[in-house]
Amino acid sequence: MADNMLAFLMDETLVDIYKCRPVCSKPCENGICQEPESCACNVGYKIDPLNKYKCSPICSKNCGHGECIAPDTCKCKTRYAFKNKTCEPTCKQPCINASCIAPDTCQCYTGYRISRKYQCTPRCSGGCVHGTCVSPETCVCNPGWKLTVSNITAIKTCQPLCTKPCINGICIAPETCQCLVGFKDSGNNTCKPHCARGCPHGSCVKPDTCECDNGYRMIETEPNNTNTTRNATCQPVCSKPCINSTCVAPDLCECLPGYTKSRKAQNFCEPHCSNGCSHGTCTSPETCVCDKGWTMNKTMDGTNQTCEPICSKSCVHGLCVAPETCECETGYKASDAYSCKPHCSMVCLNGRCAAPETCLCDPGWKLVNGSCQPICKQPCVNGTCVSPDQCECILGFEKKNKSICEPKCSSGCLHGTCVAPETCICDQGWSLNMTATNGTCQPICNAICVNGSCVAPERCECLAGYTEVGKNVCTPHCKDDCSHGVCVSPDTCVCITGWYKSNETNICITDDPFINAMNGVGYWVSSNWLYIVPSIIVIVVLSTIMCLLLCKKKKVREEKNGTVAVPEGDIAMKFFKRKSTVL
Protein backbone atom coordinates (compact mmCIF):
# COMPACT_ATOMS: atom_id res chain seq x y z
CA MET A 1 0.00 0.00 0.00
CA ALA A 2 2.87 2.33 0.78
CA ASP A 3 4.58 1.63 -2.54
CA ASN A 4 1.43 2.42 -4.46
CA MET A 5 1.06 5.68 -2.62
CA LEU A 6 4.54 6.70 -3.70
CA ALA A 7 3.51 6.29 -7.35
CA PHE A 8 1.02 9.14 -7.08
CA LEU A 9 1.52 12.89 -6.49
CA MET A 10 -0.83 15.50 -5.17
CA ASP A 11 -2.45 17.46 -7.96
CA GLU A 12 -2.29 21.04 -6.69
CA THR A 13 -4.36 22.37 -9.54
CA LEU A 14 -7.55 21.12 -7.90
CA VAL A 15 -9.06 23.52 -5.41
CA ASP A 16 -12.15 21.83 -4.05
CA ILE A 17 -10.84 18.23 -3.67
CA TYR A 18 -7.54 16.46 -3.41
CA LYS A 19 -6.57 14.14 -6.22
CA CYS A 20 -3.44 12.11 -6.93
CA ARG A 21 -2.11 11.73 -10.51
CA PRO A 22 0.03 8.79 -11.76
CA VAL A 23 3.79 9.19 -12.15
CA CYS A 24 5.84 7.84 -15.10
CA SER A 25 9.62 7.96 -14.79
CA LYS A 26 9.91 8.98 -18.46
CA PRO A 27 7.69 11.36 -20.42
CA CYS A 28 5.02 9.69 -22.57
CA GLU A 29 5.80 10.58 -26.21
CA ASN A 30 2.54 11.24 -28.16
CA GLY A 31 0.50 10.17 -25.06
CA ILE A 32 -0.27 10.76 -21.36
CA CYS A 33 0.73 8.94 -18.14
CA GLN A 34 -2.46 7.06 -17.35
CA GLU A 35 -1.15 4.80 -14.59
CA PRO A 36 2.16 4.56 -12.78
CA GLU A 37 4.77 3.72 -15.42
CA SER A 38 1.99 3.15 -17.96
CA CYS A 39 1.29 5.46 -20.92
CA ALA A 40 -2.02 5.94 -22.75
CA CYS A 41 -1.46 6.95 -26.42
CA ASN A 42 -3.22 9.80 -28.16
CA VAL A 43 -5.82 9.05 -30.81
CA GLY A 44 -4.12 7.59 -33.91
CA TYR A 45 -1.09 6.30 -31.93
CA LYS A 46 -0.15 2.95 -30.32
CA ILE A 47 2.49 1.79 -27.77
CA ASP A 48 5.84 1.03 -29.38
CA PRO A 49 6.63 -2.65 -28.58
CA LEU A 50 10.25 -1.74 -27.94
CA ASN A 51 9.59 1.34 -25.81
CA LYS A 52 6.58 1.53 -23.49
CA TYR A 53 7.03 5.30 -23.06
CA LYS A 54 6.78 5.94 -26.82
CA CYS A 55 3.56 6.02 -28.86
CA SER A 56 4.09 5.38 -32.57
CA PRO A 57 1.67 6.76 -35.17
CA ILE A 58 -0.81 4.36 -36.76
CA CYS A 59 -1.17 4.29 -40.57
CA SER A 60 -4.23 2.33 -41.70
CA LYS A 61 -2.35 1.35 -44.84
CA ASN A 62 1.22 0.16 -45.07
CA CYS A 63 3.39 3.11 -46.08
CA GLY A 64 5.36 0.76 -48.33
CA HIS A 65 8.22 2.85 -49.70
CA GLY A 66 8.02 5.36 -46.87
CA GLU A 67 7.79 5.92 -43.07
CA CYS A 68 4.68 6.52 -40.95
CA ILE A 69 5.38 9.87 -39.28
CA ALA A 70 1.85 10.76 -38.09
CA PRO A 71 -1.59 9.09 -38.03
CA ASP A 72 -2.36 8.07 -41.61
CA THR A 73 0.56 10.26 -42.76
CA CYS A 74 3.58 8.81 -44.55
CA LYS A 75 6.94 10.39 -45.42
CA CYS A 76 7.70 8.83 -48.80
CA LYS A 77 11.06 8.00 -50.37
CA THR A 78 12.39 9.74 -53.48
CA ARG A 79 10.23 9.19 -56.65
CA TYR A 80 7.28 8.18 -54.43
CA ALA A 81 4.33 10.38 -53.44
CA PHE A 82 1.88 10.22 -50.52
CA LYS A 83 -1.47 9.29 -52.02
CA ASN A 84 -4.47 7.28 -50.78
CA LYS A 85 -2.83 7.05 -47.29
CA THR A 86 0.25 5.24 -48.64
CA CYS A 87 3.39 5.88 -50.71
CA GLU A 88 2.73 5.28 -54.37
CA PRO A 89 5.36 5.39 -57.16
CA THR A 90 5.42 8.45 -59.45
CA CYS A 91 5.77 8.52 -63.23
CA LYS A 92 6.94 11.66 -65.07
CA GLN A 93 3.94 11.37 -67.41
CA PRO A 94 0.45 9.96 -66.74
CA CYS A 95 0.08 6.24 -67.51
CA ILE A 96 -2.60 5.92 -70.24
CA ASN A 97 -4.64 2.70 -69.94
CA ALA A 98 -2.13 1.54 -67.32
CA SER A 99 -1.11 2.02 -63.68
CA CYS A 100 2.20 3.33 -62.31
CA ILE A 101 3.68 0.31 -60.45
CA ALA A 102 7.20 1.65 -59.92
CA PRO A 103 9.01 4.97 -60.52
CA ASP A 104 8.59 5.78 -64.25
CA THR A 105 7.25 2.25 -64.86
CA CYS A 106 3.72 1.69 -66.22
CA GLN A 107 1.89 -1.66 -66.20
CA CYS A 108 -0.88 -2.07 -68.80
CA TYR A 109 -4.41 -2.96 -67.74
CA THR A 110 -5.78 -6.35 -68.70
CA GLY A 111 -6.50 -6.45 -72.41
CA TYR A 112 -3.98 -3.68 -73.21
CA ARG A 113 -0.39 -3.80 -74.48
CA ILE A 114 2.45 -1.32 -74.22
CA SER A 115 2.83 1.00 -77.24
CA ARG A 116 4.97 3.73 -75.70
CA LYS A 117 6.71 4.18 -72.34
CA TYR A 118 3.66 5.76 -70.68
CA GLN A 119 0.90 4.60 -73.02
CA CYS A 120 -0.92 1.30 -73.56
CA THR A 121 -3.27 0.55 -76.44
CA PRO A 122 -6.12 -1.97 -76.48
CA ARG A 123 -5.29 -5.46 -77.80
CA CYS A 124 -7.36 -7.47 -80.25
CA SER A 125 -6.24 -11.10 -80.63
CA GLY A 126 -7.46 -11.18 -84.24
CA GLY A 127 -5.15 -8.30 -85.18
CA CYS A 128 -7.93 -5.89 -86.33
CA VAL A 129 -6.45 -5.50 -89.84
CA HIS A 130 -8.31 -2.80 -91.84
CA GLY A 131 -9.81 -1.46 -88.61
CA THR A 132 -9.03 0.11 -85.23
CA CYS A 133 -8.86 -1.78 -81.95
CA VAL A 134 -10.82 0.66 -79.74
CA SER A 135 -10.93 -1.51 -76.60
CA PRO A 136 -9.81 -5.03 -75.61
CA GLU A 137 -11.12 -7.51 -78.19
CA THR A 138 -13.30 -4.77 -79.74
CA CYS A 139 -12.42 -4.01 -83.36
CA VAL A 140 -14.10 -1.18 -85.32
CA CYS A 141 -13.61 -1.71 -89.04
CA ASN A 142 -12.60 1.09 -91.40
CA PRO A 143 -15.22 2.50 -93.83
CA GLY A 144 -15.88 -0.05 -96.54
CA TRP A 145 -15.11 -3.01 -94.27
CA LYS A 146 -17.38 -5.21 -92.16
CA LEU A 147 -16.61 -7.28 -89.04
CA THR A 148 -17.10 -10.96 -89.89
CA VAL A 149 -16.70 -14.07 -87.70
CA SER A 150 -14.82 -16.96 -89.32
CA ASN A 151 -16.81 -20.20 -89.36
CA ILE A 152 -13.57 -22.18 -88.92
CA THR A 153 -11.50 -20.23 -86.37
CA ALA A 154 -14.35 -18.12 -84.85
CA ILE A 155 -11.96 -15.10 -85.08
CA LYS A 156 -13.50 -11.75 -85.92
CA THR A 157 -11.84 -10.01 -88.89
CA CYS A 158 -12.66 -7.02 -91.10
CA GLN A 159 -13.76 -8.13 -94.56
CA PRO A 160 -14.19 -5.79 -97.56
CA LEU A 161 -17.63 -4.71 -98.79
CA CYS A 162 -18.63 -4.59 -102.46
CA THR A 163 -22.11 -3.13 -102.98
CA LYS A 164 -22.37 -4.98 -106.29
CA PRO A 165 -21.50 -8.70 -106.51
CA CYS A 166 -18.18 -9.58 -108.16
CA ILE A 167 -19.03 -11.53 -111.35
CA ASN A 168 -16.29 -14.11 -112.07
CA GLY A 169 -14.22 -12.61 -109.23
CA ILE A 170 -13.90 -12.09 -105.45
CA CYS A 171 -14.14 -8.90 -103.31
CA ILE A 172 -10.60 -8.16 -102.00
CA ALA A 173 -11.04 -4.49 -100.91
CA PRO A 174 -13.93 -2.01 -100.56
CA GLU A 175 -15.64 -1.83 -103.96
CA THR A 176 -12.64 -3.68 -105.49
CA CYS A 177 -12.99 -7.05 -107.21
CA GLN A 178 -10.17 -9.43 -108.16
CA CYS A 179 -10.88 -11.58 -111.16
CA LEU A 180 -10.60 -15.36 -111.10
CA VAL A 181 -7.85 -17.11 -113.07
CA GLY A 182 -8.59 -16.86 -116.78
CA PHE A 183 -10.67 -13.70 -116.41
CA LYS A 184 -9.85 -9.95 -116.51
CA ASP A 185 -11.57 -6.86 -115.21
CA SER A 186 -14.09 -5.23 -117.57
CA GLY A 187 -15.39 -2.64 -115.08
CA ASN A 188 -18.53 -2.38 -112.97
CA ASN A 189 -17.42 -5.34 -110.74
CA THR A 190 -17.52 -7.65 -113.75
CA CYS A 191 -14.74 -9.94 -115.03
CA LYS A 192 -14.83 -11.28 -118.59
CA PRO A 193 -13.03 -14.33 -119.99
CA HIS A 194 -9.41 -13.74 -121.07
CA CYS A 195 -7.70 -15.17 -124.10
CA ALA A 196 -3.91 -15.00 -123.80
CA ARG A 197 -3.39 -14.48 -127.56
CA GLY A 198 -5.98 -11.68 -127.74
CA CYS A 199 -8.68 -13.25 -129.94
CA PRO A 200 -8.62 -10.53 -132.66
CA HIS A 201 -11.68 -10.30 -134.93
CA GLY A 202 -13.62 -12.48 -132.53
CA SER A 203 -14.99 -12.78 -129.02
CA CYS A 204 -13.37 -14.55 -126.08
CA VAL A 205 -16.30 -16.64 -124.87
CA LYS A 206 -14.35 -18.47 -122.15
CA PRO A 207 -10.70 -18.56 -121.01
CA ASP A 208 -8.45 -19.04 -124.10
CA THR A 209 -11.46 -19.85 -126.33
CA CYS A 210 -12.32 -17.55 -129.34
CA GLU A 211 -15.42 -17.28 -131.52
CA CYS A 212 -14.85 -15.40 -134.85
CA ASP A 213 -16.91 -12.38 -135.94
CA ASN A 214 -18.99 -12.33 -139.15
CA GLY A 215 -16.76 -12.09 -142.26
CA TYR A 216 -13.96 -13.96 -140.51
CA ARG A 217 -13.12 -17.64 -140.24
CA MET A 218 -10.88 -19.67 -137.98
CA ILE A 219 -7.65 -20.72 -139.73
CA GLU A 220 -4.88 -22.74 -138.15
CA THR A 221 -1.31 -21.73 -138.96
CA GLU A 222 1.32 -24.38 -139.53
CA PRO A 223 4.38 -24.52 -137.24
CA ASN A 224 7.54 -22.88 -138.62
CA ASN A 225 11.07 -22.03 -137.55
CA THR A 226 9.95 -19.07 -135.42
CA ASN A 227 6.75 -20.58 -134.05
CA THR A 228 6.75 -24.27 -133.27
CA THR A 229 3.15 -24.40 -132.05
CA ARG A 230 -0.02 -24.67 -134.07
CA ASN A 231 -2.16 -21.49 -133.65
CA ALA A 232 -5.74 -20.85 -134.70
CA THR A 233 -6.68 -17.23 -135.56
CA CYS A 234 -9.66 -15.46 -137.13
CA GLN A 235 -8.73 -14.43 -140.68
CA PRO A 236 -10.80 -12.05 -142.92
CA VAL A 237 -12.57 -13.19 -146.10
CA CYS A 238 -12.39 -11.00 -149.34
CA SER A 239 -14.79 -11.86 -152.20
CA LYS A 240 -12.35 -10.37 -154.85
CA PRO A 241 -8.59 -10.98 -155.01
CA CYS A 242 -6.38 -8.16 -153.65
CA ILE A 243 -3.87 -6.86 -156.29
CA ASN A 244 -0.62 -5.50 -154.84
CA SER A 245 -2.37 -5.79 -151.46
CA THR A 246 -3.46 -8.15 -148.68
CA CYS A 247 -6.95 -9.00 -147.36
CA VAL A 248 -6.96 -7.47 -143.84
CA ALA A 249 -10.71 -7.32 -143.19
CA PRO A 250 -13.88 -8.68 -144.80
CA ASP A 251 -13.82 -7.36 -148.39
CA LEU A 252 -11.06 -4.87 -147.45
CA CYS A 253 -7.61 -4.89 -149.08
CA GLU A 254 -4.48 -3.30 -147.57
CA CYS A 255 -1.73 -2.24 -149.99
CA LEU A 256 1.70 -3.78 -149.92
CA PRO A 257 4.68 -1.57 -148.91
CA GLY A 258 5.38 1.00 -151.64
CA TYR A 259 1.80 1.02 -152.96
CA THR A 260 -1.34 3.08 -152.27
CA LYS A 261 -5.03 2.54 -152.93
CA SER A 262 -6.22 3.28 -156.44
CA ARG A 263 -9.38 5.27 -156.99
CA LYS A 264 -10.30 2.88 -159.85
CA ALA A 265 -10.96 -0.22 -157.74
CA GLN A 266 -11.06 -1.06 -154.02
CA ASN A 267 -8.97 -4.24 -154.52
CA PHE A 268 -6.23 -2.53 -156.62
CA CYS A 269 -3.11 -0.67 -155.33
CA GLU A 270 -0.79 1.54 -157.44
CA PRO A 271 2.91 2.45 -156.80
CA HIS A 272 3.67 5.15 -154.19
CA CYS A 273 6.40 7.80 -154.04
CA SER A 274 6.90 9.06 -150.46
CA ASN A 275 7.82 12.59 -151.62
CA GLY A 276 4.64 12.78 -153.67
CA CYS A 277 6.28 13.01 -157.11
CA SER A 278 4.87 16.49 -157.50
CA HIS A 279 5.29 17.79 -161.05
CA GLY A 280 6.04 14.24 -162.23
CA THR A 281 4.69 10.63 -162.49
CA CYS A 282 5.32 7.79 -159.98
CA THR A 283 6.08 4.78 -162.22
CA SER A 284 7.04 2.33 -159.42
CA PRO A 285 7.54 2.52 -155.64
CA GLU A 286 9.82 5.51 -154.91
CA THR A 287 10.53 6.04 -158.64
CA CYS A 288 9.47 9.45 -160.02
CA VAL A 289 9.78 10.76 -163.62
CA CYS A 290 9.68 14.64 -163.72
CA ASP A 291 7.53 16.74 -166.08
CA LYS A 292 9.00 19.12 -168.71
CA GLY A 293 10.67 22.22 -167.16
CA TRP A 294 11.43 20.29 -163.97
CA THR A 295 14.49 18.30 -162.97
CA MET A 296 15.07 15.51 -160.44
CA ASN A 297 17.00 16.61 -157.36
CA LYS A 298 18.45 13.85 -155.22
CA THR A 299 19.95 14.12 -151.75
CA MET A 300 23.48 12.93 -151.04
CA ASP A 301 22.20 9.61 -149.62
CA GLY A 302 19.63 9.27 -152.39
CA THR A 303 16.73 8.89 -149.95
CA ASN A 304 14.93 12.06 -151.08
CA GLN A 305 14.04 12.57 -154.74
CA THR A 306 11.93 15.56 -155.76
CA CYS A 307 11.17 17.39 -159.00
CA GLU A 308 12.44 20.97 -158.79
CA PRO A 309 11.68 23.81 -161.25
CA ILE A 310 14.31 25.18 -163.62
CA CYS A 311 15.06 28.97 -163.62
CA SER A 312 17.63 30.28 -166.14
CA LYS A 313 18.81 32.95 -163.64
CA SER A 314 19.46 32.67 -159.89
CA CYS A 315 16.71 34.05 -157.63
CA VAL A 316 18.31 36.74 -155.39
CA HIS A 317 16.72 36.48 -151.88
CA GLY A 318 14.12 34.18 -153.44
CA LEU A 319 13.31 30.59 -154.43
CA CYS A 320 12.60 29.12 -157.86
CA VAL A 321 9.06 27.70 -157.34
CA ALA A 322 8.10 27.07 -160.97
CA PRO A 323 9.89 27.13 -164.35
CA GLU A 324 11.32 30.67 -164.76
CA THR A 325 9.29 31.84 -161.69
CA CYS A 326 10.89 33.22 -158.47
CA GLU A 327 9.13 33.51 -155.11
CA CYS A 328 10.67 35.92 -152.60
CA GLU A 329 11.89 34.69 -149.23
CA THR A 330 9.99 35.66 -146.10
CA GLY A 331 10.64 39.30 -145.33
CA TYR A 332 11.44 40.21 -148.93
CA LYS A 333 9.37 41.49 -151.86
CA ALA A 334 10.05 41.33 -155.60
CA SER A 335 11.98 44.15 -157.23
CA ASP A 336 12.16 42.40 -160.66
CA ALA A 337 11.58 38.86 -162.08
CA TYR A 338 14.69 37.35 -160.42
CA SER A 339 15.51 39.77 -157.53
CA CYS A 340 13.90 40.51 -154.11
CA LYS A 341 14.64 43.35 -151.67
CA PRO A 342 14.11 43.40 -147.85
CA HIS A 343 10.72 44.49 -146.55
CA CYS A 344 9.90 46.36 -143.31
CA SER A 345 6.21 46.37 -142.39
CA MET A 346 6.74 49.63 -140.50
CA VAL A 347 8.15 52.58 -142.41
CA CYS A 348 11.81 53.12 -141.46
CA LEU A 349 11.32 56.76 -140.55
CA ASN A 350 14.70 58.46 -139.97
CA GLY A 351 16.44 55.33 -141.34
CA ARG A 352 16.37 52.70 -144.10
CA CYS A 353 15.25 49.03 -144.34
CA ALA A 354 18.55 47.07 -144.35
CA ALA A 355 17.09 43.58 -143.71
CA PRO A 356 13.61 42.08 -143.21
CA GLU A 357 11.90 44.03 -140.41
CA THR A 358 15.30 45.59 -139.59
CA CYS A 359 15.84 49.33 -139.87
CA LEU A 360 19.27 50.95 -140.01
CA CYS A 361 18.84 54.33 -138.33
CA ASP A 362 20.34 57.65 -139.47
CA PRO A 363 23.10 59.34 -137.37
CA GLY A 364 21.66 60.75 -134.10
CA TRP A 365 18.99 58.03 -134.00
CA LYS A 366 18.91 54.53 -132.50
CA LEU A 367 16.72 51.46 -133.03
CA VAL A 368 14.17 50.90 -130.22
CA ASN A 369 11.42 48.26 -130.53
CA GLY A 370 11.75 48.20 -134.33
CA SER A 371 11.68 51.98 -134.90
CA CYS A 372 14.31 54.72 -134.97
CA GLN A 373 14.23 56.90 -131.86
CA PRO A 374 16.21 60.14 -131.37
CA ILE A 375 19.28 60.23 -129.11
CA CYS A 376 19.66 62.96 -126.47
CA LYS A 377 23.10 63.01 -124.83
CA GLN A 378 21.60 64.53 -121.68
CA PRO A 379 18.50 62.66 -120.34
CA CYS A 380 15.27 64.63 -120.71
CA VAL A 381 14.07 65.27 -117.15
CA ASN A 382 10.24 65.52 -117.15
CA GLY A 383 10.35 65.60 -120.92
CA THR A 384 10.62 63.49 -124.10
CA CYS A 385 13.47 63.34 -126.59
CA VAL A 386 11.72 64.29 -129.89
CA SER A 387 14.83 64.71 -132.11
CA PRO A 388 18.62 64.42 -131.64
CA ASP A 389 19.56 66.46 -128.51
CA GLN A 390 16.12 68.11 -128.53
CA CYS A 391 13.76 67.69 -125.52
CA GLU A 392 10.06 68.49 -125.39
CA CYS A 393 8.43 68.95 -121.97
CA ILE A 394 5.53 66.72 -120.95
CA LEU A 395 2.16 68.27 -120.15
CA GLY A 396 2.28 70.42 -117.01
CA PHE A 397 6.04 71.15 -117.24
CA GLU A 398 8.05 73.98 -118.82
CA LYS A 399 11.65 74.32 -119.98
CA LYS A 400 14.26 75.22 -117.37
CA ASN A 401 17.21 74.52 -119.68
CA LYS A 402 17.97 72.38 -122.73
CA SER A 403 17.38 69.02 -121.01
CA ILE A 404 15.45 69.79 -117.79
CA CYS A 405 11.74 70.59 -117.48
CA GLU A 406 10.31 71.78 -114.18
CA PRO A 407 6.67 71.65 -113.01
CA LYS A 408 4.44 74.56 -113.90
CA CYS A 409 1.88 76.19 -111.61
CA SER A 410 -0.42 78.63 -113.42
CA SER A 411 -0.86 80.66 -110.23
CA GLY A 412 2.89 81.31 -110.01
CA CYS A 413 3.01 79.65 -106.55
CA LEU A 414 3.89 82.95 -104.78
CA HIS A 415 5.12 82.35 -101.22
CA GLY A 416 5.56 78.61 -102.01
CA THR A 417 7.30 76.00 -104.18
CA CYS A 418 5.80 74.36 -107.28
CA VAL A 419 6.62 70.63 -106.72
CA ALA A 420 4.37 69.12 -109.44
CA PRO A 421 2.08 70.45 -112.21
CA GLU A 422 -0.46 72.73 -110.54
CA THR A 423 0.76 71.48 -107.14
CA CYS A 424 2.06 74.17 -104.81
CA ILE A 425 3.57 73.63 -101.34
CA CYS A 426 3.36 76.86 -99.34
CA ASP A 427 6.19 78.38 -97.28
CA GLN A 428 6.10 78.39 -93.47
CA GLY A 429 3.37 80.73 -92.19
CA TRP A 430 1.33 80.32 -95.38
CA SER A 431 -1.39 77.80 -96.29
CA LEU A 432 -2.93 76.66 -99.55
CA ASN A 433 -6.28 78.29 -100.35
CA MET A 434 -8.33 75.20 -101.27
CA THR A 435 -11.32 77.31 -102.39
CA ALA A 436 -9.27 79.09 -105.05
CA THR A 437 -9.21 77.41 -108.48
CA ASN A 438 -5.53 78.19 -109.07
CA GLY A 439 -4.35 77.03 -105.58
CA THR A 440 -2.68 80.19 -104.20
CA CYS A 441 -0.83 80.50 -100.87
CA GLN A 442 -2.49 82.73 -98.31
CA PRO A 443 -0.91 83.97 -95.03
CA ILE A 444 -1.84 82.43 -91.67
CA CYS A 445 -3.01 84.67 -88.80
CA ASN A 446 -3.84 82.66 -85.65
CA ALA A 447 -5.93 85.57 -84.30
CA ILE A 448 -8.94 86.82 -86.29
CA CYS A 449 -8.37 90.11 -88.10
CA VAL A 450 -11.27 92.28 -86.86
CA ASN A 451 -12.32 94.63 -89.72
CA GLY A 452 -9.12 93.72 -91.56
CA SER A 453 -7.46 91.07 -93.73
CA CYS A 454 -4.43 88.83 -93.11
CA VAL A 455 -1.76 90.11 -95.56
CA ALA A 456 1.29 88.26 -94.14
CA PRO A 457 1.93 85.63 -91.41
CA GLU A 458 0.53 87.01 -88.14
CA ARG A 459 0.08 90.52 -89.72
CA CYS A 460 -3.30 92.17 -90.33
CA GLU A 461 -4.06 95.13 -92.59
CA CYS A 462 -7.18 97.25 -91.89
CA LEU A 463 -9.91 97.47 -94.48
CA ALA A 464 -10.53 100.77 -96.26
CA GLY A 465 -12.19 103.23 -93.87
CA TYR A 466 -10.79 101.53 -90.73
CA THR A 467 -7.84 102.33 -88.45
CA GLU A 468 -5.80 100.01 -86.24
CA VAL A 469 -6.41 100.45 -82.48
CA GLY A 470 -4.71 97.25 -81.26
CA LYS A 471 -3.10 94.06 -82.54
CA ASN A 472 -5.43 92.49 -85.13
CA VAL A 473 -8.20 95.00 -84.21
CA CYS A 474 -9.44 97.81 -86.54
CA THR A 475 -12.25 100.27 -85.84
CA PRO A 476 -14.21 102.39 -88.35
CA HIS A 477 -12.88 105.88 -89.10
CA CYS A 478 -15.05 108.98 -89.58
CA LYS A 479 -13.21 111.85 -91.30
CA ASP A 480 -15.75 114.37 -89.97
CA ASP A 481 -15.84 115.19 -86.25
CA CYS A 482 -17.93 112.52 -84.48
CA SER A 483 -17.99 114.28 -81.08
CA HIS A 484 -21.10 113.41 -79.06
CA GLY A 485 -21.61 110.32 -81.27
CA VAL A 486 -20.26 106.86 -82.15
CA CYS A 487 -18.51 106.04 -85.46
CA VAL A 488 -20.30 102.77 -86.29
CA SER A 489 -18.88 102.31 -89.81
CA PRO A 490 -16.54 104.28 -92.12
CA ASP A 491 -17.76 107.88 -92.28
CA THR A 492 -21.00 106.91 -90.49
CA CYS A 493 -21.53 108.71 -87.16
CA VAL A 494 -24.53 107.97 -84.88
CA CYS A 495 -25.24 110.75 -82.31
CA ILE A 496 -25.71 109.92 -78.63
CA THR A 497 -28.97 110.58 -76.76
CA GLY A 498 -29.90 114.30 -76.67
CA TRP A 499 -27.82 115.12 -79.73
CA TYR A 500 -28.64 115.23 -83.42
CA LYS A 501 -26.84 115.55 -86.75
CA SER A 502 -26.39 119.08 -88.08
CA ASN A 503 -27.42 119.42 -91.72
CA GLU A 504 -24.87 122.12 -92.28
CA THR A 505 -21.74 120.75 -90.53
CA ASN A 506 -22.71 117.00 -90.40
CA ILE A 507 -21.64 116.91 -86.69
CA CYS A 508 -23.65 116.14 -83.53
CA ILE A 509 -25.14 119.22 -81.80
CA THR A 510 -27.69 119.93 -79.01
CA ASP A 511 -29.98 122.90 -78.10
CA ASP A 512 -29.79 122.31 -74.29
CA PRO A 513 -26.77 124.07 -72.72
CA PHE A 514 -26.95 121.86 -69.59
CA ILE A 515 -26.86 118.62 -71.65
CA ASN A 516 -24.08 120.12 -73.74
CA ALA A 517 -22.03 120.81 -70.58
CA MET A 518 -22.79 117.43 -68.90
CA ASN A 519 -22.22 115.33 -72.00
CA GLY A 520 -18.89 116.90 -72.75
CA VAL A 521 -17.10 114.60 -70.28
CA GLY A 522 -19.38 111.62 -70.98
CA TYR A 523 -18.88 111.94 -74.72
CA TRP A 524 -15.12 112.01 -74.27
CA VAL A 525 -15.26 108.80 -72.25
CA SER A 526 -17.61 107.04 -74.70
CA SER A 527 -15.52 108.13 -77.67
CA ASN A 528 -12.20 107.06 -76.12
CA TRP A 529 -13.17 103.89 -74.18
CA LEU A 530 -10.91 101.72 -76.35
CA TYR A 531 -7.95 103.75 -75.07
CA ILE A 532 -9.15 104.26 -71.46
CA VAL A 533 -9.77 100.55 -70.65
CA PRO A 534 -6.28 99.30 -71.67
CA SER A 535 -4.71 102.25 -69.76
CA ILE A 536 -6.61 101.34 -66.56
CA ILE A 537 -5.56 97.66 -66.90
CA VAL A 538 -1.91 98.64 -67.31
CA ILE A 539 -2.06 100.92 -64.22
CA VAL A 540 -3.63 98.13 -62.09
CA VAL A 541 -1.04 95.57 -63.21
CA LEU A 542 1.88 97.96 -62.49
CA SER A 543 0.46 98.82 -59.04
CA THR A 544 0.14 95.13 -58.14
CA ILE A 545 3.72 94.42 -59.20
CA MET A 546 5.00 97.38 -57.11
CA CYS A 547 3.11 96.17 -54.03
CA LEU A 548 4.50 92.66 -54.37
CA LEU A 549 8.05 93.98 -54.74
CA LEU A 550 7.70 96.25 -51.66
CA CYS A 551 6.28 93.38 -49.56
CA LYS A 552 9.11 91.06 -50.58
CA LYS A 553 11.71 93.75 -49.80
CA LYS A 554 10.17 94.36 -46.36
CA LYS A 555 10.18 90.65 -45.55
CA VAL A 556 13.85 90.32 -46.47
CA ARG A 557 14.71 93.32 -44.27
CA GLU A 558 12.81 91.85 -41.29
CA GLU A 559 14.60 88.51 -41.67
CA LYS A 560 17.96 90.29 -41.57
CA ASN A 561 16.95 92.25 -38.40
CA GLY A 562 15.81 89.08 -36.64
CA THR A 563 12.13 90.00 -36.61
CA VAL A 564 9.42 87.47 -37.39
CA ALA A 565 6.60 88.34 -39.75
CA VAL A 566 3.15 88.03 -38.20
CA PRO A 567 0.46 86.56 -40.45
CA GLU A 568 -2.06 89.07 -41.70
CA GLY A 569 -4.89 87.16 -40.00
CA ASP A 570 -3.18 87.40 -36.59
CA ILE A 571 -2.57 91.14 -37.07
CA ALA A 572 -6.21 91.70 -37.89
CA MET A 573 -7.28 89.64 -34.84
CA LYS A 574 -5.01 91.60 -32.50
CA PHE A 575 -6.25 94.87 -33.97
CA PHE A 576 -9.88 93.98 -33.36
CA LYS A 577 -9.13 92.74 -29.80
CA ARG A 578 -7.29 96.00 -28.99
CA LYS A 579 -10.13 98.01 -30.43
CA SER A 580 -12.69 96.11 -28.37
CA THR A 581 -10.60 96.62 -25.21
CA VAL A 582 -10.47 100.37 -25.79
CA LEU A 583 -14.20 100.51 -26.31
Foldseek 3Di string as FASTA:
>chain_A
DVVQVVQWDWDPVDDPDTDTAGDAPDAQAQFHCHHHNATDHDPQWDADPVDRSYTAGDQPDEQVQFDRHHRLDTDHDPQWDCDPSHTAGHAPDAAAQFDRRHHQQTDHDPQWDDDDSRYTAGDAPLRLPQFGDHHRNDTGHDPQWDWDQDPPPRGTYTAGDAPDEQAQFHDHHRNDTDHDPQWDDPDPNYTAGDAPVHQPQFDDRHRNDTDHDPQWDWDWDDADPVGRDIDIHTAGDAPDAAACFDRHHHNATGHDPQWAADPVDRRYTHGDAPVGLPQFDDHHRNDTDHHPQWDWDADPVRPDIYTAGDAPDAAAQWGRHHHQATDHDPQWDDPDRRYTDGHAPDDAVQFDCPHRLATDHHPQWDDDPSYTHGDAPDAAAQFGRHHRQATDHDPQWDDPDSRYTAGDQPVRQPQFDDHHRLDTDHHPQWDWDPVDPRTHIAGDAPDAQAQFDRHHRNQTDHDPQWDDPDRSYTAGHAPADAQQFECHHRNDTGHDPQWDADPVRRYTDHPDVVCVVVCNVVSVCVHCVSPVVVVVVVVVVVVVVVVVVVVVVVCVVCVVVVHDDDDPVVVVVVVVVVVVVVD
